[in-house]
Amino acid sequence: MRFVLLFFLLSAIHVGNAQDTVQKMNGKVIIGTILDTTAGDITISSIGKKKTRKIDIERMDIFSYRINGQPETIMYSQDSTIGNFLTVNEQRYFIFGERDAHNRFNPIGLKLLSGAFVFGVSVFDTYGFDTTNATGKTGFFRASPGLAPLVACIVIPVISRFTTVQLNLNKVSHRRFLEHEAYLDGFGEVARYKKVVGSLKFSVGGLLLGLGTYYLVNAIR
């Protein structure tokens, strides 16, 4: 327990540097100046890359907040009636897992595979196998595009949603976190989300690249 509190304190010092911080339930930390906490929700003025913006955060989305380096105020409480099944300490580890997945997990291999797969399907989908197609010739980019690439776009994202997440030490901020199931659950939840969304984006990119290549080749011919 002491290790957990020490890590939270050091994290707040590192990211906040005496600024106000809001630790969200999804593992992300909002840094800025807290303007209002009276209604249970929090309004914070956050400094972005280009401008300062005011953010309203609902109570149910907040784990804790800290004002100007003062002791942490916990907003989360265990309550099964609203879906908060974890204890406060377990939820801390869950958030640690989410945070590490946000900052350290990037399924670039899966993304590239998704894009290449859909691009390949797009290319072979427009292959003319006989002379009855629109161009009257056989070969690549001779047939009109079909629905196969659209279906291919969701194949890898759907599969990746149900695959396990391989967690190695370079993705973990502290090895001791691996001893806690809540940490693994939090990491896995965000990691699977990033796998699905990332592979879907690259799949769509592969589809657009395939269609773009098709129309470009036929425009040049």
Protein backbone atom coordinates (compact mmCIF):
# COMPACT_ATOMS: atom_id res chain seq x y z
CA MET A 1 0.00 0.00 0.00
CA ARG A 2 2.85 2.39 0.81
CA PHE A 3 4.36 1.69 -2.60
CA VAL A 4 1.08 2.56 -4.31
CA LEU A 5 0.71 5.87 -2.47
CA LEU A 6 4.36 6.74 -3.10
CA PHE A 7 3.97 6.04 -6.82
CA PHE A 8 0.85 8.20 -7.03
CA LEU A 9 2.65 11.01 -5.20
CA LEU A 10 5.71 10.84 -7.44
CA SER A 11 3.49 10.71 -10.53
CA ALA A 12 1.63 13.80 -9.43
CA ILE A 13 4.89 15.66 -8.79
CA HIS A 14 6.27 14.58 -12.15
CA VAL A 15 3.27 15.50 -14.29
CA GLY A 16 1.85 18.27 -12.23
CA ASN A 17 4.83 20.17 -10.74
CA ALA A 18 2.49 21.69 -8.09
CA GLN A 19 -0.26 22.22 -10.67
CA ASP A 20 -3.75 20.87 -10.14
CA THR A 21 -4.33 17.37 -11.48
CA VAL A 22 -7.40 15.24 -12.12
CA GLN A 23 -6.89 11.48 -12.34
CA LYS A 24 -9.61 10.14 -14.61
CA MET A 25 -11.02 6.62 -14.41
CA ASN A 26 -9.71 5.83 -17.90
CA GLY A 27 -6.09 6.25 -16.76
CA LYS A 28 -5.55 9.70 -18.23
CA VAL A 29 -4.44 12.68 -16.14
CA ILE A 30 -5.70 16.22 -16.78
CA ILE A 31 -3.28 18.95 -15.69
CA GLY A 32 -4.20 22.59 -15.21
CA THR A 33 -6.09 24.78 -12.75
CA ILE A 34 -9.19 23.41 -11.04
CA LEU A 35 -11.89 26.08 -11.15
CA ASP A 36 -14.82 24.39 -9.42
CA THR A 37 -15.58 21.23 -7.41
CA THR A 38 -18.72 22.32 -5.58
CA ALA A 39 -21.25 20.25 -7.53
CA GLY A 40 -19.28 17.00 -7.32
CA ASP A 41 -18.18 17.38 -10.92
CA ILE A 42 -14.92 19.18 -11.66
CA THR A 43 -14.21 22.09 -13.98
CA ILE A 44 -10.54 22.50 -14.85
CA SER A 45 -8.70 24.94 -17.07
CA SER A 46 -6.18 22.84 -18.99
CA ILE A 47 -3.27 24.22 -21.00
CA GLY A 48 -3.00 22.44 -24.34
CA LYS A 49 -0.35 22.62 -27.04
CA LYS A 50 -1.97 25.62 -28.72
CA LYS A 51 -4.50 27.09 -26.31
CA THR A 52 -6.07 26.88 -22.87
CA ARG A 53 -9.45 25.18 -22.68
CA LYS A 54 -12.02 24.67 -19.94
CA ILE A 55 -13.00 21.05 -19.36
CA ASP A 56 -16.01 19.80 -17.41
CA ILE A 57 -15.50 16.31 -15.97
CA GLU A 58 -18.36 14.32 -14.47
CA ARG A 59 -17.90 12.81 -11.03
CA MET A 60 -18.31 9.23 -12.29
CA ASP A 61 -15.31 9.76 -14.60
CA ILE A 62 -13.01 10.93 -11.80
CA PHE A 63 -10.89 8.74 -9.53
CA SER A 64 -9.20 11.55 -7.62
CA TYR A 65 -7.91 15.09 -7.85
CA ARG A 66 -5.16 17.13 -6.26
CA ILE A 67 -5.06 20.92 -5.88
CA ASN A 68 -1.69 22.70 -5.89
CA GLY A 69 0.24 19.76 -4.47
CA GLN A 70 -2.15 19.23 -1.55
CA PRO A 71 -3.14 15.74 -0.38
CA GLU A 72 -5.11 13.71 -2.90
CA THR A 73 -8.90 13.80 -2.70
CA ILE A 74 -10.47 10.45 -3.62
CA MET A 75 -13.74 10.67 -5.54
CA TYR A 76 -14.04 6.95 -6.32
CA SER A 77 -15.80 4.59 -3.94
CA GLN A 78 -16.61 0.91 -4.17
CA ASP A 79 -20.29 0.60 -5.07
CA SER A 80 -21.55 -2.39 -7.03
CA THR A 81 -24.89 -0.68 -7.77
CA ILE A 82 -23.12 1.73 -10.17
CA GLY A 83 -20.56 -0.76 -11.49
CA ASN A 84 -17.68 0.11 -9.14
CA PHE A 85 -16.82 -3.44 -8.10
CA LEU A 86 -13.15 -2.83 -7.24
CA THR A 87 -11.84 -1.50 -3.97
CA VAL A 88 -10.05 1.86 -3.99
CA ASN A 89 -6.65 0.16 -3.94
CA GLU A 90 -7.61 -2.28 -6.71
CA GLN A 91 -8.92 0.61 -8.81
CA ARG A 92 -5.56 2.37 -8.39
CA TYR A 93 -3.80 -0.62 -9.91
CA PHE A 94 -6.41 -0.81 -12.66
CA ILE A 95 -5.66 2.83 -13.49
CA PHE A 96 -1.91 2.13 -13.41
CA GLY A 97 -2.54 -0.54 -16.04
CA GLU A 98 -4.63 1.80 -18.17
CA ARG A 99 -2.00 4.52 -17.91
CA ASP A 100 0.85 2.23 -18.94
CA ALA A 101 -1.17 0.96 -21.90
CA HIS A 102 -1.95 4.53 -22.99
CA ASN A 103 1.70 5.58 -22.76
CA ARG A 104 3.66 2.42 -23.62
CA PHE A 105 1.55 0.14 -25.80
CA ASN A 106 1.53 0.66 -29.56
CA PRO A 107 0.51 -2.34 -31.72
CA ILE A 108 2.36 -1.05 -34.78
CA GLY A 109 2.90 -4.55 -36.18
CA LEU A 110 -0.82 -5.30 -36.06
CA LYS A 111 -1.60 -1.94 -37.66
CA LEU A 112 0.77 -2.54 -40.57
CA LEU A 113 -0.55 -6.07 -41.01
CA SER A 114 -4.13 -4.74 -41.15
CA GLY A 115 -3.28 -2.14 -43.77
CA ALA A 116 -1.29 -4.59 -45.88
CA PHE A 117 -4.02 -7.24 -45.64
CA VAL A 118 -6.82 -4.95 -46.82
CA PHE A 119 -4.63 -3.42 -49.53
CA GLY A 120 -3.87 -6.94 -50.79
CA VAL A 121 -7.56 -7.82 -50.79
CA SER A 122 -8.30 -4.60 -52.70
CA VAL A 123 -5.70 -5.42 -55.33
CA PHE A 124 -6.85 -9.00 -55.89
CA ASP A 125 -10.51 -7.91 -55.77
CA THR A 126 -9.97 -5.91 -58.97
CA TYR A 127 -8.03 -8.66 -60.74
CA GLY A 128 -9.63 -9.52 -64.07
CA PHE A 129 -9.60 -13.29 -64.49
CA ASP A 130 -11.27 -13.27 -67.90
CA THR A 131 -12.12 -10.88 -70.71
CA THR A 132 -15.76 -10.45 -69.66
CA ASN A 133 -14.87 -7.56 -67.30
CA ALA A 134 -15.35 -3.87 -68.12
CA THR A 135 -11.93 -3.51 -69.77
CA GLY A 136 -12.13 -6.71 -71.78
CA LYS A 137 -8.68 -7.77 -70.57
CA THR A 138 -7.22 -9.96 -67.83
CA GLY A 139 -4.78 -8.83 -65.11
CA PHE A 140 -4.59 -6.57 -62.07
CA PHE A 141 -6.94 -3.57 -61.80
CA ARG A 142 -9.03 -4.82 -64.74
CA ALA A 143 -12.22 -5.65 -62.82
CA SER A 144 -14.45 -3.22 -60.97
CA PRO A 145 -14.05 -2.98 -57.16
CA GLY A 146 -16.39 -5.16 -55.13
CA LEU A 147 -17.43 -5.51 -51.49
CA ALA A 148 -14.61 -7.83 -50.42
CA PRO A 149 -12.26 -5.02 -49.25
CA LEU A 150 -15.03 -3.51 -47.11
CA VAL A 151 -15.59 -6.85 -45.39
CA ALA A 152 -11.82 -7.30 -45.02
CA CYS A 153 -11.62 -4.01 -43.09
CA ILE A 154 -13.30 -5.54 -40.03
CA VAL A 155 -11.59 -8.95 -40.06
CA ILE A 156 -8.43 -8.14 -38.11
CA PRO A 157 -10.11 -5.59 -35.76
CA VAL A 158 -12.72 -8.18 -34.76
CA ILE A 159 -10.11 -10.90 -34.24
CA SER A 160 -7.82 -8.58 -32.24
CA ARG A 161 -10.69 -7.76 -29.88
CA PHE A 162 -10.66 -11.33 -28.57
CA THR A 163 -6.93 -12.03 -28.59
CA THR A 164 -4.81 -11.89 -25.46
CA VAL A 165 -2.40 -9.04 -24.84
CA GLN A 166 1.25 -10.04 -24.57
CA LEU A 167 2.70 -7.87 -21.82
CA ASN A 168 6.50 -7.60 -21.62
CA LEU A 169 8.60 -5.74 -19.08
CA ASN A 170 9.44 -2.76 -21.28
CA LYS A 171 5.73 -1.87 -21.30
CA VAL A 172 5.47 -1.87 -17.49
CA SER A 173 6.48 1.14 -15.40
CA HIS A 174 7.08 -1.05 -12.32
CA ARG A 175 7.50 -4.83 -12.21
CA ARG A 176 5.58 -5.07 -8.95
CA PHE A 177 2.43 -4.07 -10.81
CA LEU A 178 2.46 -7.45 -12.55
CA GLU A 179 1.60 -9.09 -9.23
CA HIS A 180 -1.85 -7.47 -9.27
CA GLU A 181 -4.70 -8.77 -11.38
CA ALA A 182 -6.37 -5.35 -11.47
CA TYR A 183 -3.29 -3.88 -13.17
CA LEU A 184 -3.34 -6.61 -15.82
CA ASP A 185 -7.06 -6.06 -16.39
CA GLY A 186 -6.60 -2.30 -16.80
CA PHE A 187 -3.68 -2.71 -19.17
CA GLY A 188 -5.52 -5.33 -21.20
CA GLU A 189 -8.68 -3.25 -21.55
CA VAL A 190 -6.88 -0.23 -23.02
CA ALA A 191 -4.49 -2.37 -25.07
CA ARG A 192 -7.33 -4.27 -26.74
CA TYR A 193 -9.11 -1.01 -27.48
CA LYS A 194 -5.96 0.39 -29.10
CA LYS A 195 -5.55 -2.81 -31.12
CA VAL A 196 -9.11 -2.64 -32.44
CA VAL A 197 -9.11 1.09 -33.23
CA GLY A 198 -5.57 1.09 -34.60
CA SER A 199 -6.08 -1.91 -36.86
CA LEU A 200 -9.41 -0.49 -38.09
CA LYS A 201 -7.80 2.84 -39.02
CA PHE A 202 -4.99 1.13 -40.91
CA SER A 203 -7.50 -1.20 -42.58
CA VAL A 204 -9.41 1.80 -43.89
CA GLY A 205 -6.09 3.29 -44.98
CA GLY A 206 -5.29 0.09 -46.87
CA LEU A 207 -8.72 0.20 -48.50
CA LEU A 208 -8.28 3.80 -49.64
CA LEU A 209 -4.76 3.06 -50.89
CA GLY A 210 -6.04 0.08 -52.86
CA LEU A 211 -8.90 2.02 -54.43
CA GLY A 212 -6.63 4.97 -55.12
CA THR A 213 -4.13 2.69 -56.85
CA TYR A 214 -6.92 1.13 -58.91
CA TYR A 215 -8.23 4.46 -60.20
CA LEU A 216 -4.75 5.86 -60.73
CA VAL A 217 -3.59 2.86 -62.77
CA ASN A 218 -6.70 2.94 -64.94
CA ALA A 219 -6.39 6.70 -65.44
CA ILE A 220 -2.81 6.26 -66.69
CA ARG A 221 -3.64 3.36 -69.04
